[in-house]
Amino acid sequence: QVQLVESGGGSVQAGGSLRLTCAASGSTEILTAMGWFRQRPGEERSWVAIINNEEAASYGGSARGRFTISRDNAQNTLSLQMNSLRPEDTAIYYCAGQKQNRYWEYWGHGTQVTVFS
C-alpha cells in the first residue's frame, strides 16, 4: 500500500504562484509513475502533469509552460510548481501513484487551489 498526502494549496491572485507537495509513504517502490490531477467545479477529474521513474514529465495542455512537476526520490516527495495561475486553475488538486505502468491506484485526499482575479 502507498499513502499520499498533499499540501501547499491555498488562495492566490491571478498571475501568482503556488507550490504543491505530495508526501508518499509505504511501498513506494511499486510505483511506476506519479502525477497531479485536478477536479474543477462541475467537471470530472483530469490530469495535469505526470512524471515517471525515468524522470520524464508530461503535461496537460493548460499546464504546459506554466507548471513544473518534479520528484525527490530520497525524500519520497512529489511537487508541482504552478506559475502564472489563472482563475480557471481553481480546482481540487490530487496527487496520484501509478502501478504497473497502467493503473492510477493510489490517491491523496486533495488540496484546494483557488485563483481569484
N, C-alpha and C. Protein backbone atom coordinates (compact mmCIF):
# COMPACT_ATOMS: atom_id res chain seq x y z
N GLN A 1 0.82 -1.20 0.00
CA GLN A 1 0.00 0.00 0.00
C GLN A 1 0.86 1.25 0.00
N VAL A 2 0.32 2.28 -0.60
CA VAL A 2 1.01 3.58 -0.67
C VAL A 2 0.06 4.64 -0.14
N GLN A 3 0.57 5.52 0.69
CA GLN A 3 -0.21 6.63 1.21
C GLN A 3 0.35 7.93 0.64
N LEU A 4 -0.57 8.80 0.23
CA LEU A 4 -0.18 10.08 -0.38
C LEU A 4 -0.89 11.21 0.35
N VAL A 5 -0.15 12.23 0.70
CA VAL A 5 -0.71 13.37 1.41
C VAL A 5 -0.25 14.66 0.74
N GLU A 6 -1.21 15.44 0.26
CA GLU A 6 -0.89 16.70 -0.41
C GLU A 6 -0.86 17.85 0.58
N SER A 7 -0.10 18.87 0.22
CA SER A 7 -0.07 20.11 0.98
C SER A 7 0.30 21.25 0.05
N GLY A 8 0.07 22.46 0.50
CA GLY A 8 0.51 23.63 -0.27
C GLY A 8 -0.58 24.36 -1.01
N GLY A 9 -1.81 23.88 -0.96
CA GLY A 9 -2.88 24.60 -1.62
C GLY A 9 -3.19 25.91 -0.91
N GLY A 10 -4.06 26.69 -1.52
CA GLY A 10 -4.44 27.96 -0.91
C GLY A 10 -5.09 28.87 -1.92
N SER A 11 -5.19 30.14 -1.56
CA SER A 11 -5.79 31.15 -2.43
C SER A 11 -4.71 32.11 -2.91
N VAL A 12 -4.78 32.45 -4.18
CA VAL A 12 -3.76 33.33 -4.76
C VAL A 12 -4.40 34.17 -5.85
N GLN A 13 -3.87 35.34 -6.04
CA GLN A 13 -4.37 36.21 -7.09
C GLN A 13 -3.88 35.72 -8.45
N ALA A 14 -4.67 35.97 -9.48
CA ALA A 14 -4.28 35.59 -10.84
C ALA A 14 -2.90 36.17 -11.16
N GLY A 15 -2.09 35.33 -11.80
CA GLY A 15 -0.72 35.71 -12.10
C GLY A 15 0.28 35.26 -11.06
N GLY A 16 -0.21 34.83 -9.92
CA GLY A 16 0.65 34.41 -8.83
C GLY A 16 1.09 32.96 -8.97
N SER A 17 1.78 32.49 -7.94
CA SER A 17 2.35 31.13 -7.95
C SER A 17 1.99 30.39 -6.68
N LEU A 18 1.95 29.08 -6.82
CA LEU A 18 1.80 28.18 -5.67
C LEU A 18 2.65 26.95 -5.94
N ARG A 19 3.07 26.32 -4.85
CA ARG A 19 3.82 25.06 -4.98
C ARG A 19 3.11 24.01 -4.16
N LEU A 20 2.70 22.95 -4.81
CA LEU A 20 2.06 21.82 -4.14
C LEU A 20 3.11 20.75 -3.89
N THR A 21 2.93 20.08 -2.77
CA THR A 21 3.83 18.98 -2.42
C THR A 21 3.00 17.77 -2.02
N CYS A 22 3.50 16.61 -2.39
CA CYS A 22 2.86 15.35 -2.03
C CYS A 22 3.89 14.47 -1.33
N ALA A 23 3.57 14.08 -0.12
CA ALA A 23 4.44 13.19 0.63
C ALA A 23 3.94 11.76 0.46
N ALA A 24 4.81 10.89 0.00
CA ALA A 24 4.46 9.49 -0.22
C ALA A 24 5.09 8.62 0.84
N SER A 25 4.35 7.62 1.29
CA SER A 25 4.87 6.67 2.27
C SER A 25 4.33 5.28 1.96
N GLY A 26 4.92 4.30 2.61
CA GLY A 26 4.51 2.92 2.37
C GLY A 26 5.39 2.28 1.30
N SER A 27 4.81 1.43 0.50
CA SER A 27 5.56 0.65 -0.50
C SER A 27 5.74 1.46 -1.78
N THR A 28 6.43 2.57 -1.69
CA THR A 28 6.57 3.47 -2.83
C THR A 28 7.38 2.87 -3.97
N GLU A 29 8.14 1.82 -3.69
CA GLU A 29 8.96 1.21 -4.74
C GLU A 29 8.11 0.56 -5.83
N ILE A 30 6.83 0.33 -5.56
CA ILE A 30 5.98 -0.31 -6.56
C ILE A 30 5.42 0.69 -7.58
N LEU A 31 5.63 1.97 -7.32
CA LEU A 31 5.08 2.97 -8.23
C LEU A 31 5.90 3.08 -9.50
N THR A 32 5.23 3.15 -10.63
CA THR A 32 5.90 3.32 -11.91
C THR A 32 5.84 4.77 -12.40
N ALA A 33 4.95 5.54 -11.82
CA ALA A 33 4.86 6.96 -12.13
C ALA A 33 4.05 7.64 -11.03
N MET A 34 4.20 8.94 -10.95
CA MET A 34 3.37 9.75 -10.06
C MET A 34 2.85 10.94 -10.85
N GLY A 35 1.75 11.50 -10.38
CA GLY A 35 1.19 12.59 -11.13
C GLY A 35 0.29 13.49 -10.31
N TRP A 36 -0.07 14.58 -10.92
CA TRP A 36 -1.04 15.52 -10.36
C TRP A 36 -2.27 15.56 -11.26
N PHE A 37 -3.40 15.48 -10.63
CA PHE A 37 -4.68 15.58 -11.31
C PHE A 37 -5.46 16.70 -10.64
N ARG A 38 -6.49 17.18 -11.30
CA ARG A 38 -7.33 18.19 -10.67
C ARG A 38 -8.78 17.98 -11.07
N GLN A 39 -9.65 18.48 -10.21
CA GLN A 39 -11.07 18.43 -10.48
C GLN A 39 -11.65 19.82 -10.26
N ARG A 40 -12.07 20.42 -11.33
CA ARG A 40 -12.67 21.75 -11.26
C ARG A 40 -14.15 21.59 -10.94
N PRO A 41 -14.77 22.61 -10.37
CA PRO A 41 -16.19 22.51 -10.01
C PRO A 41 -17.05 22.11 -11.20
N GLY A 42 -17.86 21.08 -11.02
CA GLY A 42 -18.78 20.64 -12.06
C GLY A 42 -18.15 19.82 -13.16
N GLU A 43 -16.85 19.48 -13.01
CA GLU A 43 -16.17 18.72 -14.04
C GLU A 43 -15.60 17.42 -13.49
N GLU A 44 -15.23 16.54 -14.38
CA GLU A 44 -14.57 15.31 -13.97
C GLU A 44 -13.08 15.59 -13.71
N ARG A 45 -12.48 14.68 -13.00
CA ARG A 45 -11.05 14.80 -12.70
C ARG A 45 -10.25 14.66 -13.99
N SER A 46 -9.22 15.48 -14.13
CA SER A 46 -8.39 15.43 -15.33
C SER A 46 -6.92 15.51 -14.92
N TRP A 47 -6.04 15.03 -15.79
CA TRP A 47 -4.64 15.01 -15.43
C TRP A 47 -3.99 16.35 -15.73
N VAL A 48 -3.03 16.69 -14.91
CA VAL A 48 -2.31 17.95 -15.03
C VAL A 48 -0.87 17.70 -15.46
N ALA A 49 -0.19 16.81 -14.75
CA ALA A 49 1.21 16.53 -15.05
C ALA A 49 1.57 15.16 -14.48
N ILE A 50 2.43 14.47 -15.19
CA ILE A 50 2.85 13.13 -14.81
C ILE A 50 4.36 13.02 -14.94
N ILE A 51 4.98 12.29 -14.04
CA ILE A 51 6.42 12.05 -14.14
C ILE A 51 6.68 10.58 -13.84
N ASN A 52 7.47 9.94 -14.69
CA ASN A 52 7.72 8.51 -14.49
C ASN A 52 9.03 8.28 -13.74
N ASN A 53 9.39 7.03 -13.58
CA ASN A 53 10.59 6.72 -12.80
C ASN A 53 11.88 7.12 -13.51
N GLU A 54 11.78 7.39 -14.81
CA GLU A 54 12.95 7.88 -15.56
C GLU A 54 13.00 9.41 -15.59
N GLU A 55 12.14 10.04 -14.78
CA GLU A 55 12.08 11.49 -14.66
C GLU A 55 11.53 12.18 -15.92
N ALA A 56 10.90 11.41 -16.80
CA ALA A 56 10.28 12.01 -17.98
C ALA A 56 8.93 12.59 -17.56
N ALA A 57 8.70 13.84 -17.91
CA ALA A 57 7.48 14.54 -17.50
C ALA A 57 6.57 14.81 -18.69
N SER A 58 5.29 14.76 -18.43
CA SER A 58 4.28 15.10 -19.44
C SER A 58 3.29 16.06 -18.80
N TYR A 59 2.75 16.95 -19.61
CA TYR A 59 1.84 17.97 -19.10
C TYR A 59 0.56 18.03 -19.92
N GLY A 60 -0.54 18.26 -19.21
CA GLY A 60 -1.79 18.55 -19.88
C GLY A 60 -1.69 19.91 -20.55
N GLY A 61 -2.56 20.13 -21.53
CA GLY A 61 -2.44 21.31 -22.37
C GLY A 61 -2.36 22.62 -21.62
N SER A 62 -3.22 22.82 -20.63
CA SER A 62 -3.26 24.11 -19.96
C SER A 62 -2.09 24.30 -18.99
N ALA A 63 -1.45 23.21 -18.61
CA ALA A 63 -0.35 23.29 -17.66
C ALA A 63 0.99 23.52 -18.35
N ARG A 64 1.07 23.15 -19.58
CA ARG A 64 2.35 23.22 -20.30
C ARG A 64 2.87 24.64 -20.35
N GLY A 65 4.11 24.80 -19.95
CA GLY A 65 4.73 26.12 -19.97
C GLY A 65 4.50 26.94 -18.72
N ARG A 66 3.57 26.51 -17.87
CA ARG A 66 3.30 27.26 -16.63
C ARG A 66 3.60 26.43 -15.39
N PHE A 67 3.38 25.12 -15.48
CA PHE A 67 3.56 24.24 -14.33
C PHE A 67 4.79 23.37 -14.53
N THR A 68 5.44 23.00 -13.44
CA THR A 68 6.58 22.10 -13.48
C THR A 68 6.43 21.03 -12.42
N ILE A 69 6.48 19.78 -12.85
CA ILE A 69 6.39 18.66 -11.92
C ILE A 69 7.80 18.15 -11.64
N SER A 70 8.04 17.76 -10.39
CA SER A 70 9.34 17.22 -10.04
C SER A 70 9.16 16.23 -8.88
N ARG A 71 10.14 15.39 -8.70
CA ARG A 71 10.08 14.43 -7.61
C ARG A 71 11.44 14.32 -6.95
N ASP A 72 11.41 14.06 -5.67
CA ASP A 72 12.62 13.85 -4.88
C ASP A 72 12.51 12.44 -4.32
N ASN A 73 13.23 11.52 -4.95
CA ASN A 73 13.10 10.12 -4.55
C ASN A 73 13.69 9.88 -3.16
N ALA A 74 14.69 10.64 -2.81
CA ALA A 74 15.29 10.46 -1.48
C ALA A 74 14.31 10.85 -0.38
N GLN A 75 13.51 11.88 -0.64
CA GLN A 75 12.54 12.36 0.34
C GLN A 75 11.16 11.77 0.13
N ASN A 76 10.99 11.02 -0.96
CA ASN A 76 9.67 10.46 -1.31
C ASN A 76 8.62 11.56 -1.42
N THR A 77 8.96 12.61 -2.14
CA THR A 77 8.01 13.69 -2.35
C THR A 77 7.85 14.00 -3.84
N LEU A 78 6.68 14.49 -4.15
CA LEU A 78 6.34 14.93 -5.50
C LEU A 78 5.90 16.38 -5.38
N SER A 79 6.32 17.22 -6.31
CA SER A 79 5.97 18.64 -6.24
C SER A 79 5.37 19.10 -7.55
N LEU A 80 4.60 20.16 -7.46
CA LEU A 80 4.06 20.83 -8.65
C LEU A 80 4.22 22.32 -8.43
N GLN A 81 5.11 22.92 -9.17
CA GLN A 81 5.28 24.37 -9.14
C GLN A 81 4.35 24.98 -10.17
N MET A 82 3.46 25.83 -9.71
CA MET A 82 2.45 26.42 -10.59
C MET A 82 2.68 27.92 -10.66
N ASN A 83 2.98 28.40 -11.85
CA ASN A 83 3.21 29.82 -12.08
C ASN A 83 2.14 30.39 -13.00
N SER A 84 2.05 31.70 -13.04
CA SER A 84 1.09 32.38 -13.92
C SER A 84 -0.31 31.78 -13.77
N LEU A 85 -0.74 31.63 -12.55
CA LEU A 85 -2.03 30.99 -12.28
C LEU A 85 -3.18 31.83 -12.81
N ARG A 86 -4.22 31.12 -13.24
CA ARG A 86 -5.41 31.74 -13.81
C ARG A 86 -6.62 31.31 -12.99
N PRO A 87 -7.69 32.09 -13.04
CA PRO A 87 -8.90 31.67 -12.30
C PRO A 87 -9.38 30.28 -12.71
N GLU A 88 -9.18 29.91 -13.96
CA GLU A 88 -9.63 28.58 -14.40
C GLU A 88 -8.77 27.45 -13.85
N ASP A 89 -7.68 27.77 -13.17
CA ASP A 89 -6.89 26.75 -12.49
C ASP A 89 -7.50 26.39 -11.13
N THR A 90 -8.53 27.11 -10.73
CA THR A 90 -9.20 26.81 -9.48
C THR A 90 -9.75 25.39 -9.51
N ALA A 91 -9.35 24.58 -8.53
CA ALA A 91 -9.73 23.16 -8.53
C ALA A 91 -9.21 22.52 -7.25
N ILE A 92 -9.66 21.30 -7.04
CA ILE A 92 -9.01 20.46 -6.03
C ILE A 92 -7.93 19.67 -6.76
N TYR A 93 -6.72 19.73 -6.25
CA TYR A 93 -5.57 19.06 -6.87
C TYR A 93 -5.25 17.79 -6.09
N TYR A 94 -5.09 16.70 -6.83
CA TYR A 94 -4.83 15.41 -6.24
C TYR A 94 -3.48 14.87 -6.69
N CYS A 95 -2.78 14.28 -5.76
CA CYS A 95 -1.57 13.54 -6.04
C CYS A 95 -1.97 12.08 -6.28
N ALA A 96 -1.33 11.43 -7.26
CA ALA A 96 -1.68 10.05 -7.56
C ALA A 96 -0.44 9.23 -7.84
N GLY A 97 -0.54 7.94 -7.56
CA GLY A 97 0.54 7.00 -7.82
C GLY A 97 0.08 5.90 -8.76
N GLN A 98 0.91 5.61 -9.74
CA GLN A 98 0.57 4.61 -10.75
C GLN A 98 1.30 3.31 -10.47
N LYS A 99 0.61 2.21 -10.72
CA LYS A 99 1.18 0.88 -10.54
C LYS A 99 1.20 0.14 -11.87
N GLN A 100 2.25 -0.59 -12.12
CA GLN A 100 2.35 -1.44 -13.32
C GLN A 100 2.20 -0.64 -14.61
N ASN A 101 2.64 0.59 -14.60
CA ASN A 101 2.61 1.44 -15.81
C ASN A 101 1.20 1.64 -16.37
N ARG A 102 0.22 1.40 -15.56
CA ARG A 102 -1.13 1.45 -16.13
C ARG A 102 -2.18 1.99 -15.16
N TYR A 103 -2.17 1.53 -13.94
CA TYR A 103 -3.29 1.82 -13.04
C TYR A 103 -2.94 2.96 -12.08
N TRP A 104 -3.77 3.99 -12.11
CA TRP A 104 -3.64 5.06 -11.11
C TRP A 104 -4.40 4.59 -9.88
N GLU A 105 -3.69 3.88 -9.05
CA GLU A 105 -4.33 3.15 -7.97
C GLU A 105 -4.34 3.90 -6.64
N TYR A 106 -3.39 4.80 -6.45
CA TYR A 106 -3.25 5.45 -5.15
C TYR A 106 -3.50 6.94 -5.29
N TRP A 107 -4.30 7.46 -4.37
CA TRP A 107 -4.71 8.86 -4.44
C TRP A 107 -4.62 9.51 -3.07
N GLY A 108 -4.25 10.79 -3.09
CA GLY A 108 -4.34 11.57 -1.88
C GLY A 108 -5.76 12.11 -1.73
N HIS A 109 -5.97 12.84 -0.66
CA HIS A 109 -7.30 13.39 -0.38
C HIS A 109 -7.55 14.71 -1.10
N GLY A 110 -6.51 15.29 -1.66
CA GLY A 110 -6.68 16.52 -2.42
C GLY A 110 -6.38 17.77 -1.63
N THR A 111 -6.02 18.82 -2.34
CA THR A 111 -5.79 20.12 -1.72
C THR A 111 -6.41 21.19 -2.63
N GLN A 112 -7.10 22.13 -2.00
CA GLN A 112 -7.84 23.14 -2.75
C GLN A 112 -6.91 24.27 -3.21
N VAL A 113 -7.03 24.60 -4.47
CA VAL A 113 -6.34 25.77 -5.04
C VAL A 113 -7.41 26.71 -5.58
N THR A 114 -7.38 27.95 -5.11
CA THR A 114 -8.33 28.95 -5.57
C THR A 114 -7.56 30.14 -6.12
N VAL A 115 -7.87 30.49 -7.36
CA VAL A 115 -7.21 31.64 -8.00
C VAL A 115 -8.27 32.69 -8.27
N PHE A 116 -8.08 33.87 -7.71
CA PHE A 116 -9.08 34.93 -7.87
C PHE A 116 -8.50 36.04 -8.73
N SER A 117 -9.40 36.69 -9.44
CA SER A 117 -8.97 37.76 -10.36
C SER A 117 -9.04 39.12 -9.69
